[in-house]
Amino acid sequence: MPEPTTFYRFHWPDGVSSEGRGMDVADALEKLGFGAEAAKTLEYYEVLEETPADHARHEMIKDAYR
């Protein structure tokens, strides 16, 4: 069974955005043809769709701070 991946939208300083899937940000960028170090040049990125395990972990963290 393939590992679930997270879907990201990357925003670059020149106003261009790109979308990709990966186990993490570096993996998604590499699959798009960028080196993992490209993450340092991003303006920001968005998580558009989390893996079920990531979603559950984030919900547990939010609950801990309520």
Protein backbone atom coordinates (compact mmCIF):
# COMPACT_ATOMS: atom_id res chain seq x y z
CA MET A 1 0.00 0.00 0.00
CA PRO A 2 1.49 3.39 -0.96
CA GLU A 3 2.29 5.86 1.79
CA PRO A 4 -0.25 8.69 2.00
CA THR A 5 1.13 12.08 1.08
CA THR A 6 0.27 15.65 1.99
CA PHE A 7 -0.83 18.14 -0.67
CA TYR A 8 0.94 21.53 -0.53
CA ARG A 9 0.70 24.88 -2.30
CA PHE A 10 4.03 26.71 -2.48
CA HIS A 11 4.25 30.50 -2.82
CA TRP A 12 7.45 31.92 -4.28
CA PRO A 13 8.81 35.48 -3.90
CA ASP A 14 8.08 36.31 -7.57
CA GLY A 15 4.35 35.74 -7.04
CA VAL A 16 4.26 32.32 -8.70
CA SER A 17 2.65 29.42 -6.87
CA SER A 18 2.95 25.69 -7.46
CA GLU A 19 1.29 22.66 -5.95
CA GLY A 20 2.68 19.24 -5.14
CA ARG A 21 2.37 16.16 -2.97
CA GLY A 22 4.99 14.60 -0.73
CA MET A 23 5.75 13.02 2.60
CA ASP A 24 6.92 16.46 3.74
CA VAL A 25 7.72 19.85 2.19
CA ALA A 26 11.19 18.81 1.00
CA ASP A 27 9.84 15.65 -0.62
CA ALA A 28 7.06 17.54 -2.42
CA LEU A 29 9.54 20.14 -3.70
CA GLU A 30 11.89 17.44 -4.94
CA LYS A 31 9.02 15.75 -6.80
CA LEU A 32 8.36 19.10 -8.50
CA GLY A 33 11.99 19.24 -9.63
CA PHE A 34 13.34 21.59 -6.95
CA GLY A 35 16.05 20.74 -4.47
CA ALA A 36 15.06 20.31 -0.83
CA GLU A 37 16.93 23.55 -0.09
CA ALA A 38 14.34 25.45 -2.17
CA ALA A 39 12.10 25.50 0.91
CA LYS A 40 14.35 28.24 2.32
CA THR A 41 13.45 30.55 -0.58
CA LEU A 42 9.65 30.20 -0.29
CA GLU A 43 7.54 33.12 0.85
CA TYR A 44 5.27 30.57 2.52
CA TYR A 45 3.41 27.33 1.87
CA GLU A 46 -0.06 26.03 2.62
CA VAL A 47 -1.16 22.56 3.57
CA LEU A 48 -4.17 21.89 1.37
CA GLU A 49 -4.79 18.28 2.34
CA GLU A 50 -3.20 16.41 5.21
CA THR A 51 -2.62 12.71 5.54
CA PRO A 52 -5.05 11.09 8.00
CA ALA A 53 -2.23 10.50 10.49
CA ASP A 54 -1.09 14.15 10.34
CA HIS A 55 -4.65 15.36 10.74
CA ALA A 56 -5.19 13.18 13.83
CA ARG A 57 -1.91 14.39 15.35
CA HIS A 58 -2.77 18.05 14.75
CA GLU A 59 -6.21 17.59 16.28
CA MET A 60 -4.63 16.03 19.39
CA ILE A 61 -2.24 18.98 19.71
CA LYS A 62 -5.09 21.49 19.35
CA ASP A 63 -7.11 19.63 21.99
CA ALA A 64 -4.16 19.74 24.38
CA TYR A 65 -4.21 23.57 24.27
CA ARG A 66 -7.95 23.96 24.88
